[in-house]
Amino acid sequence: MDTLQNIETRLVDLEIKASFTEDLVEQLNQIIVRQQQQLEALTRELLALRERPTLEGAGPGFRSLRDDLPPHY
C-alpha cells in the first residue's frame, strides 16, 4: 500500500511539474513571437534609413556628421 501511495504522489508531482512547464513554454513562445515582430520592424526601419537620400540628393549612402554642421562653423 505504501508503494502505491508513493507512486501516486510521484505521479501527481510530475503532472504538476508538466503543467508548470507547459505554462512556461507558452510564455516563452509569446516572448519569442514579440521579439521576432520587433526584429522585423527594426529591419524595415533600418532599410528605410539606408534608402533615405543624402542632403546632396545623390541617393542612398553614408552621410558624415560634418554635413549637418551649421554654416557658421
N, C-alpha and C. Protein backbone atom coordinates (compact mmCIF):
# COMPACT_ATOMS: atom_id res chain seq x y z
N MET A 1 0.83 -1.20 0.00
CA MET A 1 0.00 0.00 0.00
C MET A 1 0.86 1.26 0.00
N ASP A 2 1.95 1.21 0.74
CA ASP A 2 2.85 2.35 0.79
C ASP A 2 3.45 2.65 -0.58
N THR A 3 3.77 1.60 -1.31
CA THR A 3 4.37 1.76 -2.64
C THR A 3 3.37 2.39 -3.59
N LEU A 4 2.13 1.98 -3.54
CA LEU A 4 1.11 2.54 -4.40
C LEU A 4 0.90 4.03 -4.11
N GLN A 5 0.89 4.39 -2.84
CA GLN A 5 0.72 5.80 -2.46
C GLN A 5 1.95 6.61 -2.89
N ASN A 6 3.13 6.03 -2.77
CA ASN A 6 4.35 6.70 -3.19
C ASN A 6 4.34 6.95 -4.70
N ILE A 7 3.89 5.97 -5.46
CA ILE A 7 3.81 6.12 -6.92
C ILE A 7 2.79 7.20 -7.28
N GLU A 8 1.66 7.19 -6.60
CA GLU A 8 0.64 8.20 -6.88
C GLU A 8 1.14 9.61 -6.56
N THR A 9 1.84 9.75 -5.44
CA THR A 9 2.40 11.05 -5.07
C THR A 9 3.41 11.52 -6.11
N ARG A 10 4.26 10.61 -6.55
CA ARG A 10 5.25 10.96 -7.56
C ARG A 10 4.57 11.34 -8.87
N LEU A 11 3.51 10.63 -9.24
CA LEU A 11 2.78 10.92 -10.46
C LEU A 11 2.13 12.30 -10.39
N VAL A 12 1.52 12.62 -9.26
CA VAL A 12 0.91 13.94 -9.09
C VAL A 12 1.98 15.03 -9.18
N ASP A 13 3.13 14.81 -8.56
CA ASP A 13 4.22 15.79 -8.64
C ASP A 13 4.68 16.00 -10.08
N LEU A 14 4.78 14.92 -10.82
CA LEU A 14 5.18 15.02 -12.23
C LEU A 14 4.13 15.76 -13.07
N GLU A 15 2.87 15.52 -12.78
CA GLU A 15 1.81 16.22 -13.50
C GLU A 15 1.85 17.72 -13.21
N ILE A 16 2.11 18.08 -11.96
CA ILE A 16 2.21 19.49 -11.58
C ILE A 16 3.40 20.14 -12.30
N LYS A 17 4.53 19.44 -12.30
CA LYS A 17 5.72 19.98 -12.99
C LYS A 17 5.47 20.12 -14.48
N ALA A 18 4.78 19.16 -15.08
CA ALA A 18 4.47 19.23 -16.51
C ALA A 18 3.56 20.42 -16.80
N SER A 19 2.61 20.66 -15.93
CA SER A 19 1.70 21.79 -16.11
C SER A 19 2.45 23.12 -16.06
N PHE A 20 3.33 23.26 -15.06
CA PHE A 20 4.12 24.48 -14.96
C PHE A 20 5.05 24.63 -16.16
N THR A 21 5.59 23.53 -16.64
CA THR A 21 6.48 23.56 -17.80
C THR A 21 5.72 24.01 -19.05
N GLU A 22 4.51 23.51 -19.22
CA GLU A 22 3.68 23.93 -20.36
C GLU A 22 3.40 25.43 -20.31
N ASP A 23 3.08 25.93 -19.12
CA ASP A 23 2.83 27.37 -18.98
C ASP A 23 4.09 28.18 -19.31
N LEU A 24 5.23 27.72 -18.85
CA LEU A 24 6.48 28.42 -19.11
C LEU A 24 6.82 28.41 -20.59
N VAL A 25 6.62 27.29 -21.25
CA VAL A 25 6.89 27.19 -22.68
C VAL A 25 5.98 28.14 -23.45
N GLU A 26 4.73 28.24 -23.06
CA GLU A 26 3.80 29.15 -23.74
C GLU A 26 4.23 30.62 -23.54
N GLN A 27 4.63 30.96 -22.33
CA GLN A 27 5.11 32.33 -22.08
C GLN A 27 6.35 32.64 -22.91
N LEU A 28 7.28 31.69 -22.96
CA LEU A 28 8.50 31.89 -23.74
C LEU A 28 8.17 32.00 -25.23
N ASN A 29 7.22 31.24 -25.70
CA ASN A 29 6.81 31.32 -27.09
C ASN A 29 6.23 32.69 -27.41
N GLN A 30 5.42 33.24 -26.52
CA GLN A 30 4.87 34.57 -26.73
C GLN A 30 5.97 35.62 -26.76
N ILE A 31 6.98 35.47 -25.92
CA ILE A 31 8.10 36.41 -25.91
C ILE A 31 8.86 36.33 -27.23
N ILE A 32 9.08 35.12 -27.72
CA ILE A 32 9.80 34.95 -28.98
C ILE A 32 9.02 35.57 -30.13
N VAL A 33 7.72 35.39 -30.16
CA VAL A 33 6.90 35.99 -31.21
C VAL A 33 7.01 37.51 -31.16
N ARG A 34 6.93 38.08 -29.96
CA ARG A 34 7.02 39.53 -29.81
C ARG A 34 8.40 40.04 -30.24
N GLN A 35 9.46 39.33 -29.87
CA GLN A 35 10.80 39.74 -30.27
C GLN A 35 10.99 39.63 -31.78
N GLN A 36 10.41 38.62 -32.40
CA GLN A 36 10.51 38.48 -33.85
C GLN A 36 9.81 39.65 -34.54
N GLN A 37 8.67 40.07 -34.01
CA GLN A 37 7.97 41.22 -34.58
C GLN A 37 8.81 42.48 -34.43
N GLN A 38 9.46 42.63 -33.28
CA GLN A 38 10.32 43.79 -33.07
C GLN A 38 11.51 43.76 -34.02
N LEU A 39 12.10 42.59 -34.23
CA LEU A 39 13.21 42.46 -35.17
C LEU A 39 12.79 42.84 -36.59
N GLU A 40 11.64 42.38 -36.99
CA GLU A 40 11.15 42.70 -38.32
C GLU A 40 10.90 44.19 -38.47
N ALA A 41 10.34 44.81 -37.45
CA ALA A 41 10.09 46.26 -37.50
C ALA A 41 11.40 47.03 -37.56
N LEU A 42 12.38 46.61 -36.77
CA LEU A 42 13.68 47.29 -36.79
C LEU A 42 14.40 47.08 -38.12
N THR A 43 14.26 45.92 -38.71
CA THR A 43 14.87 45.67 -40.01
C THR A 43 14.25 46.57 -41.07
N ARG A 44 12.92 46.70 -41.05
CA ARG A 44 12.25 47.60 -42.01
C ARG A 44 12.71 49.03 -41.81
N GLU A 45 12.84 49.44 -40.54
CA GLU A 45 13.28 50.81 -40.25
C GLU A 45 14.71 51.03 -40.73
N LEU A 46 15.58 50.06 -40.51
CA LEU A 46 16.96 50.18 -40.96
C LEU A 46 17.04 50.27 -42.48
N LEU A 47 16.27 49.44 -43.17
CA LEU A 47 16.27 49.50 -44.63
C LEU A 47 15.74 50.85 -45.12
N ALA A 48 14.73 51.38 -44.46
CA ALA A 48 14.21 52.69 -44.84
C ALA A 48 15.25 53.78 -44.63
N LEU A 49 16.00 53.68 -43.54
CA LEU A 49 17.05 54.68 -43.29
C LEU A 49 18.17 54.57 -44.32
N ARG A 50 18.50 53.36 -44.72
CA ARG A 50 19.55 53.19 -45.73
C ARG A 50 19.12 53.73 -47.08
N GLU A 51 17.84 53.65 -47.38
CA GLU A 51 17.34 54.11 -48.67
C GLU A 51 17.06 55.61 -48.69
N ARG A 52 17.10 56.24 -47.54
CA ARG A 52 16.82 57.67 -47.47
C ARG A 52 17.93 58.44 -48.19
N PRO A 53 17.59 59.36 -49.04
CA PRO A 53 18.62 60.10 -49.78
C PRO A 53 19.43 61.02 -48.86
N THR A 54 20.66 61.27 -49.27
CA THR A 54 21.52 62.19 -48.53
C THR A 54 21.13 63.62 -48.85
N LEU A 55 21.79 64.59 -48.23
CA LEU A 55 21.48 66.01 -48.46
C LEU A 55 21.71 66.42 -49.91
N GLU A 56 22.71 65.82 -50.55
CA GLU A 56 23.04 66.19 -51.92
C GLU A 56 22.06 65.58 -52.92
N GLY A 57 21.22 64.68 -52.47
CA GLY A 57 20.26 64.05 -53.36
C GLY A 57 20.90 63.00 -54.24
N ALA A 58 22.06 62.51 -53.88
CA ALA A 58 22.79 61.54 -54.70
C ALA A 58 22.29 60.12 -54.47
N GLY A 59 21.26 59.93 -53.71
CA GLY A 59 20.76 58.59 -53.44
C GLY A 59 21.24 58.10 -52.10
N PRO A 60 21.08 56.84 -51.86
CA PRO A 60 21.49 56.29 -50.56
C PRO A 60 23.00 56.31 -50.41
N GLY A 61 23.41 56.41 -49.19
CA GLY A 61 24.84 56.42 -48.95
C GLY A 61 25.16 56.91 -47.55
N PHE A 62 26.44 57.00 -47.26
CA PHE A 62 26.91 57.43 -45.96
C PHE A 62 26.88 58.95 -45.88
N ARG A 63 26.41 59.46 -44.75
CA ARG A 63 26.45 60.90 -44.51
C ARG A 63 27.35 61.17 -43.34
N SER A 64 28.24 62.09 -43.51
CA SER A 64 29.12 62.47 -42.42
C SER A 64 28.37 63.41 -41.49
N LEU A 65 28.70 63.37 -40.22
CA LEU A 65 28.08 64.29 -39.27
C LEU A 65 28.49 65.73 -39.58
N ARG A 66 29.61 65.91 -40.24
CA ARG A 66 30.05 67.26 -40.61
C ARG A 66 29.09 67.90 -41.61
N ASP A 67 28.36 67.10 -42.37
CA ASP A 67 27.38 67.64 -43.32
C ASP A 67 26.25 68.36 -42.61
N ASP A 68 26.03 68.04 -41.35
CA ASP A 68 24.93 68.64 -40.59
C ASP A 68 25.36 69.85 -39.77
N LEU A 69 26.63 70.25 -39.87
CA LEU A 69 27.10 71.41 -39.09
C LEU A 69 26.46 72.69 -39.61
N PRO A 70 26.12 73.60 -38.74
CA PRO A 70 25.58 74.89 -39.17
C PRO A 70 26.63 75.66 -39.97
N PRO A 71 26.21 76.62 -40.78
CA PRO A 71 27.13 77.34 -41.68
C PRO A 71 28.20 78.15 -40.93
N HIS A 72 27.96 78.55 -39.69
CA HIS A 72 28.93 79.40 -39.00
C HIS A 72 30.14 78.64 -38.51
N TYR A 73 30.22 77.33 -38.70
CA TYR A 73 31.38 76.57 -38.27
C TYR A 73 32.43 76.59 -39.31
